[in-house]
Structures are given as structure tokens and as C-alpha cells.
Amino acid sequence: MSLIEYEKKGQIAYLYLNRPEKRNAINSEMSDNLLDYLREYKEDNDARVLIITGKGEKAFCSGRDLKESKENPEAFKRKPLRGRLFNAMIETYKPIISAVNGAAVGAGCEIALASDIRLASSDCKLGMPEAKRGMGATFGATILPKLISPSLAAKMLYTGQLISSEEALNIGLVDEVLSDNEELMKRAHEIGEQICDCAPLSVQRIKETIWKTMDVPLFQALQLDIGPNVYESEDRLEGAQAFIEKRKPVWKGR
């Protein structure tokens, strides 16, 4: 059985975490597979959006496989997720949507944090209990205070408590809460299609700008020219012409 399932439906790619019997906990093999498929998505010019979700009914991802850390500590040490998986997600510079269909704990929560858009089902729990496990939550402790209130981030990280999807919505940790998994995937696909309606170079430039200016002072950030030059692209001319002619643009990605 493949630990990751990957498929494309039109311009939208789907990546399924596939260890439901282990609540989709990530072991070394699974992390390598994740990186391979992220690279495939990044290099596929026809794939415009990636939706990540979990197989099974219980968990999106329960975090790093701590059983492996006990049985094979060297593999655990050699392949830390913080410098590999989360960086790879951010540096695709194409949109990633996390459809959180169950518990998103530890590294599972961090996968959601490294995504551009976070949707959740109504019955899921999210959080980073690393402080309860003697771990550091390095990526989570770095990014979470930038996405929500620093004091709320500190409370989540210091206590290791999990929060409900409704609480996550109230503090801005997730963007929408859907009634069930069917509605969750339907909404993720809908947003994916809306993104595919936009110019690919524009979306790439916007994602790069969001991530690369996150800690840059405003006036300094405004002086930066990040990502592809969309203003001299064929798609910019096509976008204007399509607007004038009241038709859907045909993007070429150049």
C-alpha cells in the first residue's frame, strides 16, 4: 500500500495521506514520498492547485510517528520535517489547500500551517502538543504567531492543548469550517477551480510575495519586485483583452 496517494483531476492535484490505521502519522518513508509528490506538483505546469487531505475518518494527520522515533531513532534524527517538508510546501510557489478532515496534531497541524488556505470539517481538533512530548514545534512556533495573535499562539504552544475547528475559525487558524468531509472536499475543489480561473504567473507572484514579505517592514516590502514579471507577460495582454471582449481568458503561463 502506498503511504501517499496522488492524483490529478484537470488542473487540480490531490494528495492523500494514506496511513489511516496509524491516523496518518508520518514516518520516514512517508515524508520522503511527500517530498517526491510535492516536487512532482511543483514541476507540473498543468497542475495549478494542490489539495492535501487524509484518508480515513479519524485524522487528517496525527503528527510524526513517535513509534518510529523509539524503534529507529537515527532515521527520525536524519530526516527532521521542519527543514524539508514545510519548506518544500512554501517554496512550490503554487497554491496548497489543506482540507483538514480530522485531527491535525503536531506535524499534521504544521502541514496545515504551511498551506496557503486551511479548511476544516466541523468535528476536527487541531494543535501542537510537542511541549508535552519534550519536543520543540520549531516550525509551528515560528509560523503560528505570524498567522494568529502571538499570545493565543503562545497559549496553544505552551499548553499543548488541542482546539476545536470552531475555535480555530474564531482565532483565524482556519478559514472555513464545513459540516462534513463531503462538503469539505467539495469546497476545497470549488476554491481550487476559482484559483485556476486566474493567471498562473499572477498567482505564483502573489504567493511568493506573501511568504517572502511576511517579516519585512511595509515600506521595504513595497520596494521589492518578487516573482515573475507579470506586467510584461502574454497573460497580462490576454487578461485585458478577455475583459474587454467579455470572455473567459485563455492563460498560457507566460
C-alpha atoms as a PDB file:
ATOM      1  CA  MET A   1       0.000   0.000   0.000  1.00  0.00           C
ATOM      2  CA  SER A   2       1.309   3.427  -0.957  1.00  0.00           C
ATOM      3  CA  LEU A   3       1.635   5.755   2.022  1.00  0.00           C
ATOM      4  CA  ILE A   4       0.761   8.693  -0.221  1.00  0.00           C
ATOM      5  CA  GLU A   5      -1.858   8.703  -2.953  1.00  0.00           C
ATOM      6  CA  TYR A   6      -1.591  11.391  -5.611  1.00  0.00           C
ATOM      7  CA  GLU A   7      -3.943  12.118  -8.477  1.00  0.00           C
ATOM      8  CA  LYS A   8      -4.973  14.934 -10.794  1.00  0.00           C
ATOM      9  CA  LYS A   9      -8.431  15.988 -11.822  1.00  0.00           C
ATOM     10  CA  GLY A  10      -7.963  18.554 -14.534  1.00  0.00           C
ATOM     11  CA  GLN A  11      -5.637  21.245 -13.197  1.00  0.00           C
ATOM     12  CA  ILE A  12      -6.236  20.343  -9.542  1.00  0.00           C
ATOM     13  CA  ALA A  13      -3.941  17.798  -7.863  1.00  0.00           C
ATOM     14  CA  TYR A  14      -4.942  15.804  -4.792  1.00  0.00           C
ATOM     15  CA  LEU A  15      -2.508  14.386  -2.247  1.00  0.00           C
ATOM     16  CA  TYR A  16      -3.906  11.898   0.277  1.00  0.00           C
ATOM     17  CA  LEU A  17      -2.029  10.956   3.455  1.00  0.00           C
ATOM     18  CA  ASN A  18      -2.656   7.219   3.468  1.00  0.00           C
ATOM     19  CA  ARG A  19      -1.905   5.540   6.805  1.00  0.00           C
ATOM     20  CA  PRO A  20      -5.430   5.569   8.242  1.00  0.00           C
ATOM     21  CA  GLU A  21      -4.657   2.672  10.586  1.00  0.00           C
ATOM     22  CA  LYS A  22      -1.953   4.915  12.156  1.00  0.00           C
ATOM     23  CA  ARG A  23      -4.086   8.055  11.990  1.00  0.00           C
ATOM     24  CA  ASN A  24      -1.902   9.157   9.077  1.00  0.00           C
ATOM     25  CA  ALA A  25       1.156   9.585  11.294  1.00  0.00           C
ATOM     26  CA  ILE A  26       4.242  10.467   9.235  1.00  0.00           C
ATOM     27  CA  ASN A  27       7.189   8.079   9.242  1.00  0.00           C
ATOM     28  CA  SER A  28      10.435   8.486   7.278  1.00  0.00           C
ATOM     29  CA  GLU A  29       9.169   6.671   4.195  1.00  0.00           C
ATOM     30  CA  MET A  30       6.028   8.763   4.143  1.00  0.00           C
ATOM     31  CA  SER A  31       7.981  12.028   4.481  1.00  0.00           C
ATOM     32  CA  ASP A  32      10.160  11.019   1.520  1.00  0.00           C
ATOM     33  CA  ASN A  33       7.037  10.224  -0.521  1.00  0.00           C
ATOM     34  CA  LEU A  34       5.537  13.581   0.426  1.00  0.00           C
ATOM     35  CA  LEU A  35       8.611  15.397  -0.833  1.00  0.00           C
ATOM     36  CA  ASP A  36       8.592  13.419  -4.073  1.00  0.00           C
ATOM     37  CA  TYR A  37       4.980  14.314  -4.809  1.00  0.00           C
ATOM     38  CA  LEU A  38       5.467  17.955  -3.830  1.00  0.00           C
ATOM     39  CA  ARG A  39       8.313  18.062  -6.355  1.00  0.00           C
ATOM     40  CA  GLU A  40       6.056  16.469  -8.988  1.00  0.00           C
ATOM     41  CA  TYR A  41       3.371  19.074  -8.302  1.00  0.00           C
ATOM     42  CA  LYS A  42       5.900  21.908  -8.435  1.00  0.00           C
ATOM     43  CA  GLU A  43       7.307  20.792 -11.791  1.00  0.00           C
ATOM     44  CA  ASP A  44       3.958  20.001 -13.444  1.00  0.00           C
ATOM     45  CA  ASN A  45       2.911  23.085 -15.402  1.00  0.00           C
ATOM     46  CA  ASP A  46      -0.607  21.713 -15.820  1.00  0.00           C
ATOM     47  CA  ALA A  47      -1.160  21.366 -12.059  1.00  0.00           C
ATOM     48  CA  ARG A  48      -2.369  24.696 -10.699  1.00  0.00           C
ATOM     49  CA  VAL A  49      -3.598  23.845  -7.192  1.00  0.00           C
ATOM     50  CA  LEU A  50      -2.793  21.083  -4.687  1.00  0.00           C
ATOM     51  CA  ILE A  51      -5.335  19.853  -2.119  1.00  0.00           C
ATOM     52  CA  ILE A  52      -3.936  17.850   0.802  1.00  0.00           C
ATOM     53  CA  THR A  53      -6.222  15.696   2.934  1.00  0.00           C
ATOM     54  CA  GLY A  54      -6.130  12.472   4.938  1.00  0.00           C
ATOM     55  CA  LYS A  55      -7.534   9.031   4.266  1.00  0.00           C
ATOM     56  CA  GLY A  56      -9.877   7.532   6.826  1.00  0.00           C
ATOM     57  CA  GLU A  57     -12.450   9.090   9.120  1.00  0.00           C
ATOM     58  CA  LYS A  58     -10.398   9.857  12.235  1.00  0.00           C
ATOM     59  CA  ALA A  59      -7.413  12.001  11.330  1.00  0.00           C
ATOM     60  CA  PHE A  60      -6.013  14.417   8.804  1.00  0.00           C
ATOM     61  CA  CYS A  61      -2.589  13.687  10.292  1.00  0.00           C
ATOM     62  CA  SER A  62      -1.695  12.825  13.883  1.00  0.00           C
ATOM     63  CA  GLY A  63       1.867  14.126  13.501  1.00  0.00           C
ATOM     64  CA  ARG A  64       5.247  12.469  13.350  1.00  0.00           C
ATOM     65  CA  ASP A  65       5.279   8.726  14.023  1.00  0.00           C
ATOM     66  CA  LEU A  66       6.690   8.641  17.560  1.00  0.00           C
ATOM     67  CA  LYS A  67       6.828   4.853  17.499  1.00  0.00           C
ATOM     68  CA  GLU A  68       9.447   5.129  14.745  1.00  0.00           C
ATOM     69  CA  SER A  69      11.417   7.593  16.871  1.00  0.00           C
ATOM     70  CA  LYS A  70      11.712   4.897  19.519  1.00  0.00           C
ATOM     71  CA  GLU A  71      12.349   1.950  17.202  1.00  0.00           C
ATOM     72  CA  ASN A  72      14.559   3.761  14.658  1.00  0.00           C
ATOM     73  CA  PRO A  73      15.869   6.945  16.289  1.00  0.00           C
ATOM     74  CA  GLU A  74      18.587   7.513  13.684  1.00  0.00           C
ATOM     75  CA  ALA A  75      16.050   7.702  10.841  1.00  0.00           C
ATOM     76  CA  PHE A  76      13.995  10.083  12.953  1.00  0.00           C
ATOM     77  CA  LYS A  77      17.009  12.349  13.549  1.00  0.00           C
ATOM     78  CA  ARG A  78      18.287  12.260   9.973  1.00  0.00           C
ATOM     79  CA  LYS A  79      15.040  13.471   8.461  1.00  0.00           C
ATOM     80  CA  PRO A  80      13.578  16.333  10.514  1.00  0.00           C
ATOM     81  CA  LEU A  81      10.398  17.619   8.936  1.00  0.00           C
ATOM     82  CA  ARG A  82      10.915  21.275   9.736  1.00  0.00           C
ATOM     83  CA  GLY A  83      13.717  21.834   7.211  1.00  0.00           C
ATOM     84  CA  ARG A  84      12.300  19.631   4.486  1.00  0.00           C
ATOM     85  CA  LEU A  85       8.582  19.202   4.206  1.00  0.00           C
ATOM     86  CA  PHE A  86       7.344  22.610   5.318  1.00  0.00           C
ATOM     87  CA  ASN A  87       9.962  24.496   3.299  1.00  0.00           C
ATOM     88  CA  ALA A  88       9.060  22.413   0.250  1.00  0.00           C
ATOM     89  CA  MET A  89       5.385  23.291   0.653  1.00  0.00           C
ATOM     90  CA  ILE A  90       6.094  27.003   0.901  1.00  0.00           C
ATOM     91  CA  GLU A  91       8.646  27.049  -1.898  1.00  0.00           C
ATOM     92  CA  THR A  92       6.444  25.403  -4.515  1.00  0.00           C
ATOM     93  CA  TYR A  93       5.074  28.915  -5.175  1.00  0.00           C
ATOM     94  CA  LYS A  94       1.823  27.342  -6.308  1.00  0.00           C
ATOM     95  CA  PRO A  95      -1.231  27.249  -4.028  1.00  0.00           C
ATOM     96  CA  ILE A  96      -1.735  24.464  -1.499  1.00  0.00           C
ATOM     97  CA  ILE A  97      -5.058  23.921   0.265  1.00  0.00           C
ATOM     98  CA  SER A  98      -5.271  21.775   3.383  1.00  0.00           C
ATOM     99  CA  ALA A  99      -8.653  20.065   3.748  1.00  0.00           C
ATOM    100  CA  VAL A 100      -8.426  19.092   7.413  1.00  0.00           C
ATOM    101  CA  ASN A 101     -10.795  16.144   7.712  1.00  0.00           C
ATOM    102  CA  GLY A 102      -9.982  15.045  11.267  1.00  0.00           C
ATOM    103  CA  ALA A 103      -7.372  15.524  13.954  1.00  0.00           C
ATOM    104  CA  ALA A 104      -4.438  17.685  12.834  1.00  0.00           C
ATOM    105  CA  VAL A 105      -1.860  17.281  15.572  1.00  0.00           C
ATOM    106  CA  GLY A 106       1.819  18.202  15.787  1.00  0.00           C
ATOM    107  CA  ALA A 107       3.343  17.907  12.330  1.00  0.00           C
ATOM    108  CA  GLY A 108      -0.182  17.427  10.989  1.00  0.00           C
ATOM    109  CA  CYS A 109      -1.131  20.855  12.264  1.00  0.00           C
ATOM    110  CA  GLU A 110       2.122  22.237  10.838  1.00  0.00           C
ATOM    111  CA  ILE A 111       1.251  20.855   7.390  1.00  0.00           C
ATOM    112  CA  ALA A 112      -1.922  22.929   7.604  1.00  0.00           C
ATOM    113  CA  LEU A 113       0.082  25.963   8.751  1.00  0.00           C
ATOM    114  CA  ALA A 114       2.431  25.634   5.755  1.00  0.00           C
ATOM    115  CA  SER A 115      -0.572  25.618   3.413  1.00  0.00           C
ATOM    116  CA  ASP A 116      -1.973  28.771   1.848  1.00  0.00           C
ATOM    117  CA  ILE A 117      -5.623  28.026   2.609  1.00  0.00           C
ATOM    118  CA  ARG A 118      -6.947  25.955   5.508  1.00  0.00           C
ATOM    119  CA  LEU A 119     -10.409  24.386   5.542  1.00  0.00           C
ATOM    120  CA  ALA A 120     -11.663  22.090   8.294  1.00  0.00           C
ATOM    121  CA  SER A 121     -14.542  19.737   8.973  1.00  0.00           C
ATOM    122  CA  SER A 122     -16.710  20.569  11.956  1.00  0.00           C
ATOM    123  CA  ASP A 123     -15.543  17.695  14.156  1.00  0.00           C
ATOM    124  CA  CYS A 124     -11.762  18.019  13.919  1.00  0.00           C
ATOM    125  CA  LYS A 125      -9.211  19.036  16.551  1.00  0.00           C
ATOM    126  CA  LEU A 126      -6.025  20.993  15.895  1.00  0.00           C
ATOM    127  CA  GLY A 127      -2.941  21.707  17.949  1.00  0.00           C
ATOM    128  CA  MET A 128       0.714  21.110  18.693  1.00  0.00           C
ATOM    129  CA  PRO A 129       1.327  19.067  21.853  1.00  0.00           C
ATOM    130  CA  GLU A 130       5.112  18.996  21.348  1.00  0.00           C
ATOM    131  CA  ALA A 131       5.732  20.622  24.738  1.00  0.00           C
ATOM    132  CA  LYS A 132       4.020  17.594  26.297  1.00  0.00           C
ATOM    133  CA  ARG A 133       6.364  15.268  24.403  1.00  0.00           C
ATOM    134  CA  GLY A 134       9.645  17.040  25.112  1.00  0.00           C
ATOM    135  CA  MET A 135       9.830  18.342  21.528  1.00  0.00           C
ATOM    136  CA  GLY A 136      10.191  21.833  20.085  1.00  0.00           C
ATOM    137  CA  ALA A 137       7.493  22.510  17.446  1.00  0.00           C
ATOM    138  CA  THR A 138      10.119  24.573  15.630  1.00  0.00           C
ATOM    139  CA  PHE A 139       8.109  25.342  12.508  1.00  0.00           C
ATOM    140  CA  GLY A 140       4.864  25.814  14.412  1.00  0.00           C
ATOM    141  CA  ALA A 141       6.448  28.124  16.977  1.00  0.00           C
ATOM    142  CA  THR A 142       7.901  30.190  14.135  1.00  0.00           C
ATOM    143  CA  ILE A 143       4.859  30.498  11.880  1.00  0.00           C
ATOM    144  CA  LEU A 144       1.848  30.364  14.229  1.00  0.00           C
ATOM    145  CA  PRO A 145       2.461  33.774  15.898  1.00  0.00           C
ATOM    146  CA  LYS A 146       2.558  35.293  12.402  1.00  0.00           C
ATOM    147  CA  LEU A 147      -0.824  33.844  11.468  1.00  0.00           C
ATOM    148  CA  ILE A 148      -2.792  34.453  14.677  1.00  0.00           C
ATOM    149  CA  SER A 149      -2.422  36.541  17.839  1.00  0.00           C
ATOM    150  CA  PRO A 150       1.051  35.902  19.357  1.00  0.00           C
ATOM    151  CA  SER A 151      -0.494  35.448  22.807  1.00  0.00           C
ATOM    152  CA  LEU A 152      -3.008  32.886  21.523  1.00  0.00           C
ATOM    153  CA  ALA A 153      -0.188  31.129  19.682  1.00  0.00           C
ATOM    154  CA  ALA A 154       1.856  31.075  22.875  1.00  0.00           C
ATOM    155  CA  LYS A 155      -1.049  29.610  24.848  1.00  0.00           C
ATOM    156  CA  MET A 156      -1.564  26.848  22.280  1.00  0.00           C
ATOM    157  CA  LEU A 157       2.147  26.017  22.157  1.00  0.00           C
ATOM    158  CA  TYR A 158       2.910  26.312  25.885  1.00  0.00           C
ATOM    159  CA  THR A 159      -0.032  24.166  26.986  1.00  0.00           C
ATOM    160  CA  GLY A 160      -0.091  21.721  24.078  1.00  0.00           C
ATOM    161  CA  GLN A 161      -3.882  21.777  24.211  1.00  0.00           C
ATOM    162  CA  LEU A 162      -5.937  20.907  21.141  1.00  0.00           C
ATOM    163  CA  ILE A 163      -8.688  23.244  19.978  1.00  0.00           C
ATOM    164  CA  SER A 164     -11.894  22.562  18.051  1.00  0.00           C
ATOM    165  CA  SER A 165     -12.403  23.599  14.457  1.00  0.00           C
ATOM    166  CA  GLU A 166     -14.834  26.303  15.611  1.00  0.00           C
ATOM    167  CA  GLU A 167     -12.238  27.714  17.987  1.00  0.00           C
ATOM    168  CA  ALA A 168      -9.692  27.563  15.183  1.00  0.00           C
ATOM    169  CA  LEU A 169     -12.076  29.524  12.957  1.00  0.00           C
ATOM    170  CA  ASN A 170     -12.658  32.156  15.644  1.00  0.00           C
ATOM    171  CA  ILE A 171      -8.922  32.849  16.040  1.00  0.00           C
ATOM    172  CA  GLY A 172      -8.166  32.752  12.310  1.00  0.00           C
ATOM    173  CA  LEU A 173      -6.279  29.474  12.318  1.00  0.00           C
ATOM    174  CA  VAL A 174      -8.623  28.015   9.691  1.00  0.00           C
ATOM    175  CA  ASP A 175     -10.523  29.934   7.019  1.00  0.00           C
ATOM    176  CA  GLU A 176     -13.771  27.973   6.841  1.00  0.00           C
ATOM    177  CA  VAL A 177     -15.477  25.134   8.714  1.00  0.00           C
ATOM    178  CA  LEU A 178     -17.616  22.692   6.730  1.00  0.00           C
ATOM    179  CA  SER A 179     -20.296  20.397   8.088  1.00  0.00           C
ATOM    180  CA  ASP A 180     -18.745  17.090   6.989  1.00  0.00           C
ATOM    181  CA  ASN A 181     -15.957  15.616   4.874  1.00  0.00           C
ATOM    182  CA  GLU A 182     -18.028  15.562   1.700  1.00  0.00           C
ATOM    183  CA  GLU A 183     -18.753  19.277   1.992  1.00  0.00           C
ATOM    184  CA  LEU A 184     -15.115  19.885   2.946  1.00  0.00           C
ATOM    185  CA  MET A 185     -13.763  18.329  -0.254  1.00  0.00           C
ATOM    186  CA  LYS A 186     -16.458  19.965  -2.351  1.00  0.00           C
ATOM    187  CA  ARG A 187     -15.490  23.382  -1.001  1.00  0.00           C
ATOM    188  CA  ALA A 188     -11.751  22.719  -1.440  1.00  0.00           C
ATOM    189  CA  HIS A 189     -12.368  21.781  -5.075  1.00  0.00           C
ATOM    190  CA  GLU A 190     -14.538  24.871  -5.565  1.00  0.00           C
ATOM    191  CA  ILE A 191     -11.789  27.175  -4.283  1.00  0.00           C
ATOM    192  CA  GLY A 192      -9.274  25.285  -6.419  1.00  0.00           C
ATOM    193  CA  GLU A 193     -11.351  25.964  -9.526  1.00  0.00           C
ATOM    194  CA  GLN A 194     -11.593  29.653  -8.620  1.00  0.00           C
ATOM    195  CA  ILE A 195      -7.798  29.790  -8.413  1.00  0.00           C
ATOM    196  CA  CYS A 196      -7.493  28.018 -11.785  1.00  0.00           C
ATOM    197  CA  ASP A 197      -9.597  30.800 -13.319  1.00  0.00           C
ATOM    198  CA  CYS A 198      -6.776  33.235 -12.521  1.00  0.00           C
ATOM    199  CA  ALA A 199      -3.490  33.758 -14.365  1.00  0.00           C
ATOM    200  CA  PRO A 200      -0.882  31.222 -13.162  1.00  0.00           C
ATOM    201  CA  LEU A 201       2.016  33.705 -13.165  1.00  0.00           C
ATOM    202  CA  SER A 202      -0.048  36.189 -11.160  1.00  0.00           C
ATOM    203  CA  VAL A 203      -0.918  33.556  -8.561  1.00  0.00           C
ATOM    204  CA  GLN A 204       2.743  32.497  -8.355  1.00  0.00           C
ATOM    205  CA  ARG A 205       3.909  36.085  -7.890  1.00  0.00           C
ATOM    206  CA  ILE A 206       1.285  36.700  -5.206  1.00  0.00           C
ATOM    207  CA  LYS A 207       2.215  33.555  -3.249  1.00  0.00           C
ATOM    208  CA  GLU A 208       5.921  34.425  -3.383  1.00  0.00           C
ATOM    209  CA  THR A 209       5.160  37.969  -2.241  1.00  0.00           C
ATOM    210  CA  ILE A 210       3.015  36.791   0.685  1.00  0.00           C
ATOM    211  CA  TRP A 211       5.649  34.420   2.056  1.00  0.00           C
ATOM    212  CA  LYS A 212       8.773  36.443   1.291  1.00  0.00           C
ATOM    213  CA  THR A 213       7.471  39.691   2.783  1.00  0.00           C
ATOM    214  CA  MET A 214       5.899  38.178   5.903  1.00  0.00           C
ATOM    215  CA  ASP A 215       8.592  39.618   8.195  1.00  0.00           C
ATOM    216  CA  VAL A 216       9.681  42.547   6.026  1.00  0.00           C
ATOM    217  CA  PRO A 217       8.720  46.092   7.102  1.00  0.00           C
ATOM    218  CA  LEU A 218       5.959  47.564   4.929  1.00  0.00           C
ATOM    219  CA  PHE A 219       7.900  50.289   3.107  1.00  0.00           C
ATOM    220  CA  GLN A 220      10.823  47.951   2.450  1.00  0.00           C
ATOM    221  CA  ALA A 221       8.466  45.251   1.174  1.00  0.00           C
ATOM    222  CA  LEU A 222       6.852  47.706  -1.251  1.00  0.00           C
ATOM    223  CA  GLN A 223      10.242  48.268  -2.893  1.00  0.00           C
ATOM    224  CA  LEU A 224      10.731  44.584  -3.653  1.00  0.00           C
ATOM    225  CA  ASP A 225       9.947  43.023  -7.016  1.00  0.00           C
ATOM    226  CA  ILE A 226       9.230  39.395  -6.201  1.00  0.00           C
ATOM    227  CA  GLY A 227       8.387  36.545  -8.545  1.00  0.00           C
ATOM    228  CA  PRO A 228       7.796  36.505 -12.308  1.00  0.00           C
ATOM    229  CA  ASN A 229       7.327  39.794 -14.147  1.00  0.00           C
ATOM    230  CA  VAL A 230       3.622  39.558 -14.916  1.00  0.00           C
ATOM    231  CA  TYR A 231       3.459  43.098 -16.279  1.00  0.00           C
ATOM    232  CA  GLU A 232       5.344  42.126 -19.437  1.00  0.00           C
ATOM    233  CA  SER A 233       3.696  38.713 -19.832  1.00  0.00           C
ATOM    234  CA  GLU A 234       1.436  37.452 -22.609  1.00  0.00           C
ATOM    235  CA  ASP A 235      -1.152  36.624 -19.969  1.00  0.00           C
ATOM    236  CA  ARG A 236      -1.431  40.264 -18.930  1.00  0.00           C
ATOM    237  CA  LEU A 237      -2.386  41.201 -22.507  1.00  0.00           C
ATOM    238  CA  GLU A 238      -4.778  38.241 -22.667  1.00  0.00           C
ATOM    239  CA  GLY A 239      -6.400  39.188 -19.372  1.00  0.00           C
ATOM    240  CA  ALA A 240      -7.094  42.729 -20.531  1.00  0.00           C
ATOM    241  CA  GLN A 241      -8.359  41.583 -23.937  1.00  0.00           C
ATOM    242  CA  ALA A 242     -10.629  38.953 -22.401  1.00  0.00           C
ATOM    243  CA  PHE A 243     -12.092  41.563 -20.050  1.00  0.00           C
ATOM    244  CA  ILE A 244     -12.824  43.911 -22.963  1.00  0.00           C
ATOM    245  CA  GLU A 245     -14.371  41.108 -25.019  1.00  0.00           C
ATOM    246  CA  LYS A 246     -16.350  39.795 -22.023  1.00  0.00           C
ATOM    247  CA  ARG A 247     -14.996  36.254 -22.347  1.00  0.00           C
ATOM    248  CA  LYS A 248     -13.016  33.827 -20.242  1.00  0.00           C
ATOM    249  CA  PRO A 249      -9.250  34.306 -20.660  1.00  0.00           C
ATOM    250  CA  VAL A 250      -7.059  31.562 -22.082  1.00  0.00           C
ATOM    251  CA  TRP A 251      -3.935  31.552 -19.931  1.00  0.00           C
ATOM    252  CA  LYS A 252      -0.589  30.378 -21.285  1.00  0.00           C
ATOM    253  CA  GLY A 253       1.534  30.844 -18.176  1.00  0.00           C
ATOM    254  CA  ARG A 254       3.947  33.121 -19.984  1.00  0.00           C
END
